[in-house]
Amino acid sequence: MSKASNAIAIGSLSALSALVMAGCAIEEQETVTADCVDTSTRTNGGSYLPVDDRWCDGGSHGGYIYVYGGTYSGGYVRGGTTVRPGNVGISTRSGRVVVRGGFGGRGGGGGG
């Protein structure tokens, strides 16, 4: 093999390796579920009644926040946190993407 052939083979292998690594990173990306909840419905156990996602959009609806990583059971969201996690994909139970994962991701989120 000539030096040029070796250079092309090594360059191709490097490009292929980069694509495989990028594919693995996408497949392994963590995703967190966000639930829009009405803070006035908090139970003694700390659960909230979920509401339509639109109430958490835009920040103009006081009393509604996103709970990230909670568990939906019996009509209520339990556990989770109101602090938006970083470097993960976040979507609602209805499937709407709140923020895409990865470094430097931006998106709408609730605040409390």
C-alpha atoms as a PDB file:
ATOM      1  CA  MET A   1       0.000   0.000   0.000  1.00  0.00           C
ATOM      2  CA  SER A   2       1.197   3.503  -0.764  1.00  0.00           C
ATOM      3  CA  LYS A   3       1.393   6.313   1.766  1.00  0.00           C
ATOM      4  CA  ALA A   4      -1.615   7.982   0.129  1.00  0.00           C
ATOM      5  CA  SER A   5      -3.686   4.795   0.451  1.00  0.00           C
ATOM      6  CA  ASN A   6      -2.724   4.462   4.114  1.00  0.00           C
ATOM      7  CA  ALA A   7      -3.680   8.096   4.766  1.00  0.00           C
ATOM      8  CA  ILE A   8      -7.078   7.616   3.113  1.00  0.00           C
ATOM      9  CA  ALA A   9      -7.693   4.396   5.056  1.00  0.00           C
ATOM     10  CA  ILE A  10      -6.753   6.015   8.374  1.00  0.00           C
ATOM     11  CA  GLY A  11      -8.858   9.100   7.606  1.00  0.00           C
ATOM     12  CA  SER A  12     -11.855   6.949   6.684  1.00  0.00           C
ATOM     13  CA  LEU A  13     -11.456   4.882   9.836  1.00  0.00           C
ATOM     14  CA  SER A  14     -11.296   8.038  11.959  1.00  0.00           C
ATOM     15  CA  ALA A  15     -14.461   9.408  10.356  1.00  0.00           C
ATOM     16  CA  LEU A  16     -16.279   6.106  10.836  1.00  0.00           C
ATOM     17  CA  SER A  17     -15.197   5.969  14.492  1.00  0.00           C
ATOM     18  CA  ALA A  18     -16.506   9.487  15.082  1.00  0.00           C
ATOM     19  CA  LEU A  19     -19.880   8.579  13.571  1.00  0.00           C
ATOM     20  CA  VAL A  20     -20.154   5.446  15.703  1.00  0.00           C
ATOM     21  CA  MET A  21     -19.307   7.396  18.871  1.00  0.00           C
ATOM     22  CA  ALA A  22     -21.875  10.081  18.006  1.00  0.00           C
ATOM     23  CA  GLY A  23     -24.501   7.399  17.438  1.00  0.00           C
ATOM     24  CA  CYS A  24     -23.746   5.808  20.793  1.00  0.00           C
ATOM     25  CA  ALA A  25     -24.010   9.153  22.556  1.00  0.00           C
ATOM     26  CA  ILE A  26     -27.433   9.769  21.027  1.00  0.00           C
ATOM     27  CA  GLU A  27     -28.716   6.319  21.998  1.00  0.00           C
ATOM     28  CA  GLU A  28     -27.477   6.658  25.576  1.00  0.00           C
ATOM     29  CA  GLN A  29     -28.872  10.158  26.139  1.00  0.00           C
ATOM     30  CA  GLU A  30     -30.888  10.344  29.331  1.00  0.00           C
ATOM     31  CA  THR A  31     -34.438  11.622  29.063  1.00  0.00           C
ATOM     32  CA  VAL A  32     -36.482  12.994  31.948  1.00  0.00           C
ATOM     33  CA  THR A  33     -40.256  13.375  31.996  1.00  0.00           C
ATOM     34  CA  ALA A  34     -41.748  16.728  32.980  1.00  0.00           C
ATOM     35  CA  ASP A  35     -45.274  17.131  34.330  1.00  0.00           C
ATOM     36  CA  CYS A  36     -46.993  20.514  34.477  1.00  0.00           C
ATOM     37  CA  VAL A  37     -48.730  20.699  37.853  1.00  0.00           C
ATOM     38  CA  ASP A  38     -51.011  23.069  39.741  1.00  0.00           C
ATOM     39  CA  THR A  39     -49.178  24.030  42.941  1.00  0.00           C
ATOM     40  CA  SER A  40     -52.457  24.807  44.726  1.00  0.00           C
ATOM     41  CA  THR A  41     -53.380  21.090  44.593  1.00  0.00           C
ATOM     42  CA  ARG A  42     -50.448  19.867  46.719  1.00  0.00           C
ATOM     43  CA  THR A  43     -51.525  17.016  48.993  1.00  0.00           C
ATOM     44  CA  ASN A  44     -50.184  16.233  52.468  1.00  0.00           C
ATOM     45  CA  GLY A  45     -47.993  13.575  50.832  1.00  0.00           C
ATOM     46  CA  GLY A  46     -46.446  16.132  48.472  1.00  0.00           C
ATOM     47  CA  SER A  47     -48.269  15.007  45.310  1.00  0.00           C
ATOM     48  CA  TYR A  48     -49.658  17.413  42.733  1.00  0.00           C
ATOM     49  CA  LEU A  49     -52.534  17.306  40.281  1.00  0.00           C
ATOM     50  CA  PRO A  50     -51.165  17.466  36.714  1.00  0.00           C
ATOM     51  CA  VAL A  51     -52.628  19.986  34.263  1.00  0.00           C
ATOM     52  CA  ASP A  52     -52.293  20.649  30.533  1.00  0.00           C
ATOM     53  CA  ASP A  53     -48.731  21.529  29.455  1.00  0.00           C
ATOM     54  CA  ARG A  54     -49.804  24.941  28.157  1.00  0.00           C
ATOM     55  CA  TRP A  55     -50.163  26.227  31.727  1.00  0.00           C
ATOM     56  CA  CYS A  56     -46.396  25.916  32.235  1.00  0.00           C
ATOM     57  CA  ASP A  57     -45.476  27.618  28.960  1.00  0.00           C
ATOM     58  CA  GLY A  58     -44.383  31.223  28.837  1.00  0.00           C
ATOM     59  CA  GLY A  59     -44.181  31.869  32.558  1.00  0.00           C
ATOM     60  CA  SER A  60     -47.327  34.010  32.609  1.00  0.00           C
ATOM     61  CA  HIS A  61     -49.479  31.523  34.533  1.00  0.00           C
ATOM     62  CA  GLY A  62     -48.657  31.790  38.230  1.00  0.00           C
ATOM     63  CA  GLY A  63     -49.125  28.679  40.328  1.00  0.00           C
ATOM     64  CA  TYR A  64     -48.142  26.195  37.618  1.00  0.00           C
ATOM     65  CA  ILE A  65     -44.713  24.593  37.467  1.00  0.00           C
ATOM     66  CA  TYR A  66     -42.953  21.648  35.890  1.00  0.00           C
ATOM     67  CA  VAL A  67     -42.050  18.707  38.108  1.00  0.00           C
ATOM     68  CA  TYR A  68     -39.160  16.749  36.577  1.00  0.00           C
ATOM     69  CA  GLY A  69     -38.747  13.010  37.040  1.00  0.00           C
ATOM     70  CA  GLY A  70     -41.910  12.484  39.077  1.00  0.00           C
ATOM     71  CA  THR A  71     -44.100   9.389  39.017  1.00  0.00           C
ATOM     72  CA  TYR A  72     -47.661   9.558  37.730  1.00  0.00           C
ATOM     73  CA  SER A  73     -50.061   7.331  39.668  1.00  0.00           C
ATOM     74  CA  GLY A  74     -53.698   7.570  40.697  1.00  0.00           C
ATOM     75  CA  GLY A  75     -54.171  10.870  38.907  1.00  0.00           C
ATOM     76  CA  TYR A  76     -51.343  12.631  40.773  1.00  0.00           C
ATOM     77  CA  VAL A  77     -47.637  13.291  40.250  1.00  0.00           C
ATOM     78  CA  ARG A  78     -45.443  12.176  43.152  1.00  0.00           C
ATOM     79  CA  GLY A  79     -41.766  12.803  43.801  1.00  0.00           C
ATOM     80  CA  GLY A  80     -39.472  14.464  41.320  1.00  0.00           C
ATOM     81  CA  THR A  81     -37.985  17.938  41.552  1.00  0.00           C
ATOM     82  CA  THR A  82     -38.893  21.458  40.448  1.00  0.00           C
ATOM     83  CA  VAL A  83     -35.264  22.138  39.522  1.00  0.00           C
ATOM     84  CA  ARG A  84     -34.751  21.569  35.797  1.00  0.00           C
ATOM     85  CA  PRO A  85     -31.962  19.021  35.301  1.00  0.00           C
ATOM     86  CA  GLY A  86     -29.156  19.927  32.920  1.00  0.00           C
ATOM     87  CA  ASN A  87     -27.645  18.062  29.981  1.00  0.00           C
ATOM     88  CA  VAL A  88     -30.603  15.712  29.507  1.00  0.00           C
ATOM     89  CA  GLY A  89     -33.539  15.585  27.162  1.00  0.00           C
ATOM     90  CA  ILE A  90     -36.811  16.654  28.778  1.00  0.00           C
ATOM     91  CA  SER A  91     -40.250  15.876  27.402  1.00  0.00           C
ATOM     92  CA  THR A  92     -43.758  15.897  28.806  1.00  0.00           C
ATOM     93  CA  ARG A  93     -45.962  12.826  29.177  1.00  0.00           C
ATOM     94  CA  SER A  94     -47.899  14.039  26.155  1.00  0.00           C
ATOM     95  CA  GLY A  95     -44.673  13.803  24.142  1.00  0.00           C
ATOM     96  CA  ARG A  96     -43.873  17.487  23.725  1.00  0.00           C
ATOM     97  CA  VAL A  97     -40.147  18.261  23.923  1.00  0.00           C
ATOM     98  CA  VAL A  98     -39.386  20.829  26.627  1.00  0.00           C
ATOM     99  CA  VAL A  99     -35.624  20.856  26.072  1.00  0.00           C
ATOM    100  CA  ARG A 100     -33.312  18.743  23.966  1.00  0.00           C
ATOM    101  CA  GLY A 101     -30.457  17.072  25.770  1.00  0.00           C
ATOM    102  CA  GLY A 102     -26.769  17.761  25.394  1.00  0.00           C
ATOM    103  CA  PHE A 103     -24.469  20.587  26.246  1.00  0.00           C
ATOM    104  CA  GLY A 104     -25.805  24.065  25.659  1.00  0.00           C
ATOM    105  CA  GLY A 105     -29.424  22.929  25.260  1.00  0.00           C
ATOM    106  CA  ARG A 106     -32.047  25.627  25.684  1.00  0.00           C
ATOM    107  CA  GLY A 107     -35.765  25.427  26.011  1.00  0.00           C
ATOM    108  CA  GLY A 108     -38.792  26.545  27.894  1.00  0.00           C
ATOM    109  CA  GLY A 109     -39.257  25.380  31.420  1.00  0.00           C
ATOM    110  CA  GLY A 110     -41.230  26.159  34.458  1.00  0.00           C
ATOM    111  CA  GLY A 111     -39.920  27.953  37.448  1.00  0.00           C
ATOM    112  CA  GLY A 112     -41.041  27.929  40.976  1.00  0.00           C
END
